[in-house]
Amino acid sequence: MAAISMRLPVVRKAVGLSAPRGGEKHLVVPGDTITTDTGYMRGHGTYVEEEKLIASVAGAVERVNKLVCVKALKTRYNGEVGDIVVGRITEVQQKRWKVETNSRLDSVLLLSSMNLPGGELRRRSAEDELAMRDYLQEGDLISAEVQSIFSDGAVSLHTRSLKYGKLGQGVLVQVSPSLVKRQKTHFHNLPCGASLILGNNGFIWIYPTPEQKVEEAGGFTTNLEPVPLSDREVISRLRNCIVALVTQKLMLFDTSILYCYEASLPHQIKDILKPEVMEAIVLETRQRLLYLEG
């Protein structure tokens, strides 16, 4: 008979949010007046009424010179050229694949915007078009880079680098894109034995760190060997740590995830999702990050 874990109700103390150095961000809700200065230009998430700049979404105010915009705290992914994304193939069309990337419209991966198996760079023929489903089919997960944005806001992807391509065995975690911190690289091999792809679109891929890079494959070979129990435990712990960080609204990047992983080690994997444990390990993570900034 399986054991049941029961907890008595307790009064939970609110965890104080320590302000990062440089002060707190200016948060607004729809209808809040951002400024009455007419010298500012209206950006995304704002509108002008009676010579006042007013927020149309809930989020953080961002100023770039005279341009004022509000970055929504909870929104669909808005692509930017150069972003790293993780997506799922939803449809195979003529000379293109449709990809779900957590944006308003399906993204597009053109046959001409990818390496063929073996990393070949050559003109795509009719045979390549007929074999598209052999490369990628519905349900496959891929990592890619945003190549351009269409006029309607749809995203065009490419996988021309060998570090992009089809994803093999691992775990996908979906979070809000606003919680993924922009960095120089979004591919991380953590010292705990697992690797991460932190997609700018809020899709995070956790997978066992490969022992050696297979560069001849061109991003199409997937290792289907059984994953050892130790690797599965590390991946599960990382997944629960990411869920804990998201629940406590802490930004996701390699250092915050690693600190949270280390703080969770005294606890069992399933216990990380208990509210009191979640608060404790995220509070320790936040304090270590503040100490690092200081």
C-alpha atoms as a PDB file:
ATOM      1  CA  MET A   1       0.000   0.000   0.000  1.00  0.00           C
ATOM      2  CA  ALA A   2       1.483   3.352  -1.041  1.00  0.00           C
ATOM      3  CA  ALA A   3       2.344   5.845   1.706  1.00  0.00           C
ATOM      4  CA  ILE A   4       0.324   9.068   1.788  1.00  0.00           C
ATOM      5  CA  SER A   5       1.966  12.340   2.766  1.00  0.00           C
ATOM      6  CA  MET A   6      -0.329  14.625   4.799  1.00  0.00           C
ATOM      7  CA  ARG A   7       0.384  18.093   6.189  1.00  0.00           C
ATOM      8  CA  LEU A   8      -1.530  20.001   8.830  1.00  0.00           C
ATOM      9  CA  PRO A   9      -2.605  23.553   7.907  1.00  0.00           C
ATOM     10  CA  VAL A  10      -0.127  26.207   9.006  1.00  0.00           C
ATOM     11  CA  VAL A  11       0.061  29.946   8.684  1.00  0.00           C
ATOM     12  CA  ARG A  12       2.560  30.635   5.913  1.00  0.00           C
ATOM     13  CA  LYS A  13       4.714  33.714   6.211  1.00  0.00           C
ATOM     14  CA  ALA A  14       5.078  35.828   3.112  1.00  0.00           C
ATOM     15  CA  VAL A  15       8.595  35.604   1.729  1.00  0.00           C
ATOM     16  CA  GLY A  16       9.999  39.118   1.476  1.00  0.00           C
ATOM     17  CA  LEU A  17      11.132  40.050  -2.018  1.00  0.00           C
ATOM     18  CA  SER A  18      14.554  41.616  -1.732  1.00  0.00           C
ATOM     19  CA  ALA A  19      14.928  44.424  -4.231  1.00  0.00           C
ATOM     20  CA  PRO A  20      17.782  43.947  -6.682  1.00  0.00           C
ATOM     21  CA  ARG A  21      20.531  46.507  -6.725  1.00  0.00           C
ATOM     22  CA  GLY A  22      19.486  49.556  -8.669  1.00  0.00           C
ATOM     23  CA  GLY A  23      15.970  49.632  -7.172  1.00  0.00           C
ATOM     24  CA  GLU A  24      12.709  47.943  -8.036  1.00  0.00           C
ATOM     25  CA  LYS A  25      11.215  48.058 -11.497  1.00  0.00           C
ATOM     26  CA  HIS A  26       8.314  50.407 -12.116  1.00  0.00           C
ATOM     27  CA  LEU A  27       5.296  48.079 -12.320  1.00  0.00           C
ATOM     28  CA  VAL A  28       1.967  49.271 -13.745  1.00  0.00           C
ATOM     29  CA  VAL A  29      -1.511  47.879 -14.400  1.00  0.00           C
ATOM     30  CA  PRO A  30      -3.884  48.828 -17.243  1.00  0.00           C
ATOM     31  CA  GLY A  31      -5.099  52.405 -16.802  1.00  0.00           C
ATOM     32  CA  ASP A  32      -2.113  53.615 -14.757  1.00  0.00           C
ATOM     33  CA  THR A  33      -0.587  56.916 -15.849  1.00  0.00           C
ATOM     34  CA  ILE A  34       3.076  56.388 -16.697  1.00  0.00           C
ATOM     35  CA  THR A  35       3.982  60.017 -17.358  1.00  0.00           C
ATOM     36  CA  THR A  36       2.393  63.356 -18.226  1.00  0.00           C
ATOM     37  CA  ASP A  37       5.525  64.556 -20.029  1.00  0.00           C
ATOM     38  CA  THR A  38       4.629  65.082 -23.697  1.00  0.00           C
ATOM     39  CA  GLY A  39       8.265  64.643 -24.752  1.00  0.00           C
ATOM     40  CA  TYR A  40       8.093  60.831 -24.557  1.00  0.00           C
ATOM     41  CA  MET A  41       7.213  58.580 -27.499  1.00  0.00           C
ATOM     42  CA  ARG A  42       4.527  55.894 -27.170  1.00  0.00           C
ATOM     43  CA  GLY A  43       5.768  52.289 -27.363  1.00  0.00           C
ATOM     44  CA  HIS A  44       4.167  48.855 -27.071  1.00  0.00           C
ATOM     45  CA  GLY A  45       1.727  48.450 -24.187  1.00  0.00           C
ATOM     46  CA  THR A  46       0.865  52.146 -23.923  1.00  0.00           C
ATOM     47  CA  TYR A  47      -1.605  54.673 -25.331  1.00  0.00           C
ATOM     48  CA  VAL A  48      -2.079  58.446 -25.118  1.00  0.00           C
ATOM     49  CA  GLU A  49      -5.184  60.036 -23.624  1.00  0.00           C
ATOM     50  CA  GLU A  50      -5.593  63.689 -22.582  1.00  0.00           C
ATOM     51  CA  GLU A  51      -1.846  64.262 -23.043  1.00  0.00           C
ATOM     52  CA  LYS A  52      -1.065  61.422 -20.616  1.00  0.00           C
ATOM     53  CA  LEU A  53       0.870  58.255 -21.448  1.00  0.00           C
ATOM     54  CA  ILE A  54      -1.201  55.383 -20.004  1.00  0.00           C
ATOM     55  CA  ALA A  55      -0.438  51.655 -19.668  1.00  0.00           C
ATOM     56  CA  SER A  56      -2.655  49.253 -21.619  1.00  0.00           C
ATOM     57  CA  VAL A  57      -1.175  46.051 -20.128  1.00  0.00           C
ATOM     58  CA  ALA A  58       0.140  44.939 -16.733  1.00  0.00           C
ATOM     59  CA  GLY A  59       3.929  44.846 -16.672  1.00  0.00           C
ATOM     60  CA  ALA A  60       7.209  46.639 -16.137  1.00  0.00           C
ATOM     61  CA  VAL A  61       7.895  50.056 -17.636  1.00  0.00           C
ATOM     62  CA  GLU A  62      10.978  50.163 -19.865  1.00  0.00           C
ATOM     63  CA  ARG A  63      12.525  53.379 -21.195  1.00  0.00           C
ATOM     64  CA  VAL A  64      14.949  53.591 -24.098  1.00  0.00           C
ATOM     65  CA  ASN A  65      15.903  57.255 -24.542  1.00  0.00           C
ATOM     66  CA  LYS A  66      12.520  58.910 -25.236  1.00  0.00           C
ATOM     67  CA  LEU A  67      10.674  55.682 -26.094  1.00  0.00           C
ATOM     68  CA  VAL A  68       8.476  54.281 -23.305  1.00  0.00           C
ATOM     69  CA  CYS A  69       6.942  50.807 -23.480  1.00  0.00           C
ATOM     70  CA  VAL A  70       5.437  48.334 -21.027  1.00  0.00           C
ATOM     71  CA  LYS A  71       6.771  44.764 -21.107  1.00  0.00           C
ATOM     72  CA  ALA A  72       3.854  42.505 -20.189  1.00  0.00           C
ATOM     73  CA  LEU A  73       4.502  40.080 -17.334  1.00  0.00           C
ATOM     74  CA  LYS A  74       2.338  37.380 -18.888  1.00  0.00           C
ATOM     75  CA  THR A  75       2.131  37.242 -22.661  1.00  0.00           C
ATOM     76  CA  ARG A  76       2.687  35.126 -25.720  1.00  0.00           C
ATOM     77  CA  TYR A  77       6.175  35.024 -27.204  1.00  0.00           C
ATOM     78  CA  ASN A  78       7.070  37.983 -29.432  1.00  0.00           C
ATOM     79  CA  GLY A  79       9.989  36.915 -31.612  1.00  0.00           C
ATOM     80  CA  GLU A  80      13.175  38.920 -32.094  1.00  0.00           C
ATOM     81  CA  VAL A  81      15.861  38.163 -34.669  1.00  0.00           C
ATOM     82  CA  GLY A  82      18.637  36.074 -33.114  1.00  0.00           C
ATOM     83  CA  ASP A  83      16.470  34.501 -30.388  1.00  0.00           C
ATOM     84  CA  ILE A  84      17.043  30.848 -29.507  1.00  0.00           C
ATOM     85  CA  VAL A  85      13.773  28.898 -29.426  1.00  0.00           C
ATOM     86  CA  VAL A  86      12.571  25.365 -28.765  1.00  0.00           C
ATOM     87  CA  GLY A  87       9.532  24.343 -30.805  1.00  0.00           C
ATOM     88  CA  ARG A  88       7.366  21.425 -31.845  1.00  0.00           C
ATOM     89  CA  ILE A  89       6.606  20.517 -35.463  1.00  0.00           C
ATOM     90  CA  THR A  90       2.840  20.743 -36.019  1.00  0.00           C
ATOM     91  CA  GLU A  91       2.532  20.369 -39.809  1.00  0.00           C
ATOM     92  CA  VAL A  92       4.614  19.409 -42.838  1.00  0.00           C
ATOM     93  CA  GLN A  93       3.812  21.636 -45.836  1.00  0.00           C
ATOM     94  CA  GLN A  94       5.324  22.218 -49.257  1.00  0.00           C
ATOM     95  CA  LYS A  95       8.968  23.257 -48.730  1.00  0.00           C
ATOM     96  CA  ARG A  96       8.297  24.248 -45.094  1.00  0.00           C
ATOM     97  CA  TRP A  97       7.399  23.007 -41.645  1.00  0.00           C
ATOM     98  CA  LYS A  98       5.004  24.740 -39.262  1.00  0.00           C
ATOM     99  CA  VAL A  99       6.362  24.993 -35.724  1.00  0.00           C
ATOM    100  CA  GLU A 100       4.581  25.731 -32.433  1.00  0.00           C
ATOM    101  CA  THR A 101       6.779  28.218 -30.531  1.00  0.00           C
ATOM    102  CA  ASN A 102       4.337  29.663 -27.953  1.00  0.00           C
ATOM    103  CA  SER A 103       3.691  32.722 -30.152  1.00  0.00           C
ATOM    104  CA  ARG A 104       0.390  34.054 -31.510  1.00  0.00           C
ATOM    105  CA  LEU A 105       0.985  32.512 -34.926  1.00  0.00           C
ATOM    106  CA  ASP A 106       2.714  29.300 -35.958  1.00  0.00           C
ATOM    107  CA  SER A 107       6.383  29.800 -36.810  1.00  0.00           C
ATOM    108  CA  VAL A 108       7.842  28.642 -40.135  1.00  0.00           C
ATOM    109  CA  LEU A 109      10.971  26.585 -40.859  1.00  0.00           C
ATOM    110  CA  LEU A 110      11.743  26.617 -44.582  1.00  0.00           C
ATOM    111  CA  LEU A 111      13.446  23.642 -46.234  1.00  0.00           C
ATOM    112  CA  SER A 112      16.046  26.091 -47.555  1.00  0.00           C
ATOM    113  CA  SER A 113      16.771  27.348 -44.001  1.00  0.00           C
ATOM    114  CA  MET A 114      18.197  24.124 -42.621  1.00  0.00           C
ATOM    115  CA  ASN A 115      21.179  21.827 -42.991  1.00  0.00           C
ATOM    116  CA  LEU A 116      20.479  18.437 -44.518  1.00  0.00           C
ATOM    117  CA  PRO A 117      21.680  15.299 -42.695  1.00  0.00           C
ATOM    118  CA  GLY A 118      25.455  15.307 -42.712  1.00  0.00           C
ATOM    119  CA  GLY A 119      25.576  19.101 -42.466  1.00  0.00           C
ATOM    120  CA  GLU A 120      25.408  19.451 -46.257  1.00  0.00           C
ATOM    121  CA  LEU A 121      24.958  22.911 -47.750  1.00  0.00           C
ATOM    122  CA  ARG A 122      23.627  22.482 -51.293  1.00  0.00           C
ATOM    123  CA  ARG A 123      20.666  23.431 -53.436  1.00  0.00           C
ATOM    124  CA  ARG A 124      17.488  21.670 -52.279  1.00  0.00           C
ATOM    125  CA  SER A 125      16.056  19.372 -54.940  1.00  0.00           C
ATOM    126  CA  ALA A 126      12.624  17.832 -55.543  1.00  0.00           C
ATOM    127  CA  GLU A 127      13.913  14.664 -53.851  1.00  0.00           C
ATOM    128  CA  ASP A 128      14.664  16.645 -50.697  1.00  0.00           C
ATOM    129  CA  GLU A 129      11.128  18.014 -50.724  1.00  0.00           C
ATOM    130  CA  LEU A 130       9.663  14.527 -51.017  1.00  0.00           C
ATOM    131  CA  ALA A 131      11.835  13.328 -48.117  1.00  0.00           C
ATOM    132  CA  MET A 132      10.877  16.175 -45.760  1.00  0.00           C
ATOM    133  CA  ARG A 133       8.961  13.886 -43.431  1.00  0.00           C
ATOM    134  CA  ASP A 134      12.080  11.705 -43.086  1.00  0.00           C
ATOM    135  CA  TYR A 135      13.938  14.708 -41.624  1.00  0.00           C
ATOM    136  CA  LEU A 136      11.240  16.159 -39.356  1.00  0.00           C
ATOM    137  CA  GLN A 137       7.673  15.014 -38.823  1.00  0.00           C
ATOM    138  CA  GLU A 138       4.711  16.076 -36.693  1.00  0.00           C
ATOM    139  CA  GLY A 139       5.461  15.954 -32.983  1.00  0.00           C
ATOM    140  CA  ASP A 140       9.255  16.289 -33.302  1.00  0.00           C
ATOM    141  CA  LEU A 141      10.933  18.846 -31.042  1.00  0.00           C
ATOM    142  CA  ILE A 142      13.618  21.114 -32.483  1.00  0.00           C
ATOM    143  CA  SER A 143      15.947  23.889 -31.378  1.00  0.00           C
ATOM    144  CA  ALA A 144      16.350  26.760 -33.809  1.00  0.00           C
ATOM    145  CA  GLU A 145      17.237  30.436 -34.172  1.00  0.00           C
ATOM    146  CA  VAL A 146      14.900  33.228 -35.268  1.00  0.00           C
ATOM    147  CA  GLN A 147      15.987  34.338 -38.745  1.00  0.00           C
ATOM    148  CA  SER A 148      13.383  37.018 -39.494  1.00  0.00           C
ATOM    149  CA  ILE A 149       9.946  38.310 -38.562  1.00  0.00           C
ATOM    150  CA  PHE A 150       7.147  38.467 -41.154  1.00  0.00           C
ATOM    151  CA  SER A 151       4.912  41.538 -41.455  1.00  0.00           C
ATOM    152  CA  ASP A 152       2.057  39.759 -39.641  1.00  0.00           C
ATOM    153  CA  GLY A 153       4.321  38.932 -36.664  1.00  0.00           C
ATOM    154  CA  ALA A 154       4.953  35.284 -37.597  1.00  0.00           C
ATOM    155  CA  VAL A 155       8.495  34.034 -36.971  1.00  0.00           C
ATOM    156  CA  SER A 156      10.799  32.480 -39.585  1.00  0.00           C
ATOM    157  CA  LEU A 157      13.344  30.024 -38.148  1.00  0.00           C
ATOM    158  CA  HIS A 158      16.603  28.491 -39.328  1.00  0.00           C
ATOM    159  CA  THR A 159      18.742  25.550 -38.173  1.00  0.00           C
ATOM    160  CA  ARG A 160      21.822  26.175 -40.313  1.00  0.00           C
ATOM    161  CA  SER A 161      24.238  25.714 -37.399  1.00  0.00           C
ATOM    162  CA  LEU A 162      25.061  22.173 -36.257  1.00  0.00           C
ATOM    163  CA  LYS A 163      24.178  23.106 -32.656  1.00  0.00           C
ATOM    164  CA  TYR A 164      20.516  23.369 -33.732  1.00  0.00           C
ATOM    165  CA  GLY A 165      18.279  20.583 -34.981  1.00  0.00           C
ATOM    166  CA  LYS A 166      16.111  17.716 -33.796  1.00  0.00           C
ATOM    167  CA  LEU A 167      15.974  17.065 -30.046  1.00  0.00           C
ATOM    168  CA  GLY A 168      16.217  13.546 -28.631  1.00  0.00           C
ATOM    169  CA  GLN A 169      15.444  12.319 -25.135  1.00  0.00           C
ATOM    170  CA  GLY A 170      14.672  14.791 -22.395  1.00  0.00           C
ATOM    171  CA  VAL A 171      11.977  16.786 -20.637  1.00  0.00           C
ATOM    172  CA  LEU A 172      10.161  19.886 -21.924  1.00  0.00           C
ATOM    173  CA  VAL A 173       9.079  22.553 -19.419  1.00  0.00           C
ATOM    174  CA  GLN A 174       6.852  25.425 -20.546  1.00  0.00           C
ATOM    175  CA  VAL A 175       7.112  28.738 -18.663  1.00  0.00           C
ATOM    176  CA  SER A 176       6.263  32.375 -19.321  1.00  0.00           C
ATOM    177  CA  PRO A 177       8.728  33.896 -21.849  1.00  0.00           C
ATOM    178  CA  SER A 178       9.088  36.962 -19.592  1.00  0.00           C
ATOM    179  CA  LEU A 179      10.840  34.805 -16.949  1.00  0.00           C
ATOM    180  CA  VAL A 180      13.641  33.626 -19.269  1.00  0.00           C
ATOM    181  CA  LYS A 181      16.620  35.972 -18.950  1.00  0.00           C
ATOM    182  CA  ARG A 182      18.310  37.002 -22.194  1.00  0.00           C
ATOM    183  CA  GLN A 183      21.966  35.913 -22.275  1.00  0.00           C
ATOM    184  CA  LYS A 184      24.806  35.525 -24.752  1.00  0.00           C
ATOM    185  CA  THR A 185      24.219  31.778 -24.850  1.00  0.00           C
ATOM    186  CA  HIS A 186      21.109  29.754 -24.044  1.00  0.00           C
ATOM    187  CA  PHE A 187      22.811  26.339 -24.252  1.00  0.00           C
ATOM    188  CA  HIS A 188      24.196  25.291 -20.868  1.00  0.00           C
ATOM    189  CA  ASN A 189      25.990  22.138 -19.707  1.00  0.00           C
ATOM    190  CA  LEU A 190      25.466  22.136 -15.943  1.00  0.00           C
ATOM    191  CA  PRO A 191      28.035  20.480 -13.619  1.00  0.00           C
ATOM    192  CA  CYS A 192      25.283  18.306 -12.125  1.00  0.00           C
ATOM    193  CA  GLY A 193      25.286  16.110 -15.248  1.00  0.00           C
ATOM    194  CA  ALA A 194      22.436  17.515 -17.324  1.00  0.00           C
ATOM    195  CA  SER A 195      22.140  20.198 -19.997  1.00  0.00           C
ATOM    196  CA  LEU A 196      19.597  22.943 -20.672  1.00  0.00           C
ATOM    197  CA  ILE A 197      18.306  24.845 -23.662  1.00  0.00           C
ATOM    198  CA  LEU A 198      16.609  27.971 -22.312  1.00  0.00           C
ATOM    199  CA  GLY A 199      14.360  28.976 -25.196  1.00  0.00           C
ATOM    200  CA  ASN A 200      13.513  32.687 -25.368  1.00  0.00           C
ATOM    201  CA  ASN A 201       9.970  31.557 -26.171  1.00  0.00           C
ATOM    202  CA  GLY A 202       9.511  29.981 -22.719  1.00  0.00           C
ATOM    203  CA  PHE A 203      10.127  26.359 -23.793  1.00  0.00           C
ATOM    204  CA  ILE A 204      12.965  24.847 -21.730  1.00  0.00           C
ATOM    205  CA  TRP A 205      14.544  21.547 -22.772  1.00  0.00           C
ATOM    206  CA  ILE A 206      16.374  19.457 -20.136  1.00  0.00           C
ATOM    207  CA  TYR A 207      18.406  16.498 -21.383  1.00  0.00           C
ATOM    208  CA  PRO A 208      21.366  14.287 -20.362  1.00  0.00           C
ATOM    209  CA  THR A 209      24.709  15.873 -21.205  1.00  0.00           C
ATOM    210  CA  PRO A 210      26.067  13.955 -24.245  1.00  0.00           C
ATOM    211  CA  GLU A 211      29.417  12.252 -23.703  1.00  0.00           C
ATOM    212  CA  GLN A 212      30.680  13.372 -27.094  1.00  0.00           C
ATOM    213  CA  LYS A 213      29.460  15.687 -29.823  1.00  0.00           C
ATOM    214  CA  VAL A 214      28.343  14.030 -33.042  1.00  0.00           C
ATOM    215  CA  GLU A 215      28.895  16.802 -35.555  1.00  0.00           C
ATOM    216  CA  GLU A 216      28.601  14.697 -38.695  1.00  0.00           C
ATOM    217  CA  ALA A 217      24.906  14.181 -38.087  1.00  0.00           C
ATOM    218  CA  GLY A 218      23.803  17.731 -38.855  1.00  0.00           C
ATOM    219  CA  GLY A 219      21.350  17.775 -35.966  1.00  0.00           C
ATOM    220  CA  PHE A 220      19.204  14.847 -37.117  1.00  0.00           C
ATOM    221  CA  THR A 221      20.460  11.817 -35.197  1.00  0.00           C
ATOM    222  CA  THR A 222      18.746  11.200 -31.876  1.00  0.00           C
ATOM    223  CA  ASN A 223      20.181   8.911 -29.223  1.00  0.00           C
ATOM    224  CA  LEU A 224      17.426   6.476 -28.210  1.00  0.00           C
ATOM    225  CA  GLU A 225      19.550   4.497 -25.746  1.00  0.00           C
ATOM    226  CA  PRO A 226      17.936   4.021 -22.285  1.00  0.00           C
ATOM    227  CA  VAL A 227      18.720   6.938 -19.967  1.00  0.00           C
ATOM    228  CA  PRO A 228      20.363   5.806 -16.681  1.00  0.00           C
ATOM    229  CA  LEU A 229      18.348   6.246 -13.483  1.00  0.00           C
ATOM    230  CA  SER A 230      20.898   8.732 -12.078  1.00  0.00           C
ATOM    231  CA  ASP A 231      20.472  10.997 -15.117  1.00  0.00           C
ATOM    232  CA  ARG A 232      16.684  10.739 -14.909  1.00  0.00           C
ATOM    233  CA  GLU A 233      16.804  11.779 -11.246  1.00  0.00           C
ATOM    234  CA  VAL A 234      18.968  14.821 -12.057  1.00  0.00           C
ATOM    235  CA  ILE A 235      16.612  15.829 -14.891  1.00  0.00           C
ATOM    236  CA  SER A 236      13.546  15.399 -12.631  1.00  0.00           C
ATOM    237  CA  ARG A 237      15.150  17.484  -9.875  1.00  0.00           C
ATOM    238  CA  LEU A 238      16.047  20.237 -12.351  1.00  0.00           C
ATOM    239  CA  ARG A 239      12.495  20.210 -13.717  1.00  0.00           C
ATOM    240  CA  ASN A 240      10.990  20.604 -10.228  1.00  0.00           C
ATOM    241  CA  CYS A 241      13.502  23.365  -9.404  1.00  0.00           C
ATOM    242  CA  ILE A 242      12.439  25.294 -12.524  1.00  0.00           C
ATOM    243  CA  VAL A 243       8.773  24.910 -11.509  1.00  0.00           C
ATOM    244  CA  ALA A 244       9.659  26.226  -8.036  1.00  0.00           C
ATOM    245  CA  LEU A 245      11.494  29.258  -9.460  1.00  0.00           C
ATOM    246  CA  VAL A 246       8.585  30.027 -11.797  1.00  0.00           C
ATOM    247  CA  THR A 247       6.060  29.732  -8.958  1.00  0.00           C
ATOM    248  CA  GLN A 248       8.073  32.263  -6.927  1.00  0.00           C
ATOM    249  CA  LYS A 249       8.523  34.518 -10.012  1.00  0.00           C
ATOM    250  CA  LEU A 250      12.342  34.338 -10.086  1.00  0.00           C
ATOM    251  CA  MET A 251      14.169  34.872 -13.395  1.00  0.00           C
ATOM    252  CA  LEU A 252      15.478  31.719 -15.097  1.00  0.00           C
ATOM    253  CA  PHE A 253      19.108  31.527 -16.182  1.00  0.00           C
ATOM    254  CA  ASP A 254      21.901  29.021 -15.685  1.00  0.00           C
ATOM    255  CA  THR A 255      23.105  30.403 -12.318  1.00  0.00           C
ATOM    256  CA  SER A 256      19.659  30.694 -10.700  1.00  0.00           C
ATOM    257  CA  ILE A 257      18.717  27.166 -11.796  1.00  0.00           C
ATOM    258  CA  LEU A 258      22.038  25.721 -10.554  1.00  0.00           C
ATOM    259  CA  TYR A 259      21.750  27.509  -7.176  1.00  0.00           C
ATOM    260  CA  CYS A 260      18.178  26.229  -6.787  1.00  0.00           C
ATOM    261  CA  TYR A 261      19.330  22.702  -7.686  1.00  0.00           C
ATOM    262  CA  GLU A 262      22.051  22.843  -5.009  1.00  0.00           C
ATOM    263  CA  ALA A 263      19.592  24.216  -2.428  1.00  0.00           C
ATOM    264  CA  SER A 264      17.187  21.338  -3.174  1.00  0.00           C
ATOM    265  CA  LEU A 265      19.726  18.533  -2.605  1.00  0.00           C
ATOM    266  CA  PRO A 266      18.778  17.941   1.081  1.00  0.00           C
ATOM    267  CA  HIS A 267      15.177  17.256  -0.032  1.00  0.00           C
ATOM    268  CA  GLN A 268      13.672  14.404  -1.993  1.00  0.00           C
ATOM    269  CA  ILE A 269      12.732  15.176  -5.584  1.00  0.00           C
ATOM    270  CA  LYS A 270       8.975  14.877  -4.993  1.00  0.00           C
ATOM    271  CA  ASP A 271       9.169  17.128  -1.899  1.00  0.00           C
ATOM    272  CA  ILE A 272      10.520  20.096  -3.891  1.00  0.00           C
ATOM    273  CA  LEU A 273       6.976  20.910  -5.052  1.00  0.00           C
ATOM    274  CA  LYS A 274       5.635  21.170  -1.473  1.00  0.00           C
ATOM    275  CA  PRO A 275       4.870  24.880  -0.829  1.00  0.00           C
ATOM    276  CA  GLU A 276       7.030  25.223   2.313  1.00  0.00           C
ATOM    277  CA  VAL A 277      10.008  23.442   0.715  1.00  0.00           C
ATOM    278  CA  MET A 278       9.582  25.462  -2.475  1.00  0.00           C
ATOM    279  CA  GLU A 279       9.661  28.738  -0.534  1.00  0.00           C
ATOM    280  CA  ALA A 280      12.718  27.697   1.482  1.00  0.00           C
ATOM    281  CA  ILE A 281      14.906  26.657  -1.466  1.00  0.00           C
ATOM    282  CA  VAL A 282      13.890  29.651  -3.613  1.00  0.00           C
ATOM    283  CA  LEU A 283      14.602  32.025  -0.697  1.00  0.00           C
ATOM    284  CA  GLU A 284      18.084  30.497  -0.333  1.00  0.00           C
ATOM    285  CA  THR A 285      18.576  30.825  -4.116  1.00  0.00           C
ATOM    286  CA  ARG A 286      17.514  34.491  -4.052  1.00  0.00           C
ATOM    287  CA  GLN A 287      19.902  35.263  -1.170  1.00  0.00           C
ATOM    288  CA  ARG A 288      22.835  33.616  -2.983  1.00  0.00           C
ATOM    289  CA  LEU A 289      22.052  35.608  -6.147  1.00  0.00           C
ATOM    290  CA  LEU A 290      21.909  38.876  -4.176  1.00  0.00           C
ATOM    291  CA  TYR A 291      25.240  38.006  -2.517  1.00  0.00           C
ATOM    292  CA  LEU A 292      26.693  37.302  -5.985  1.00  0.00           C
ATOM    293  CA  GLU A 293      25.507  40.699  -7.263  1.00  0.00           C
ATOM    294  CA  GLY A 294      26.935  42.412  -4.205  1.00  0.00           C
END
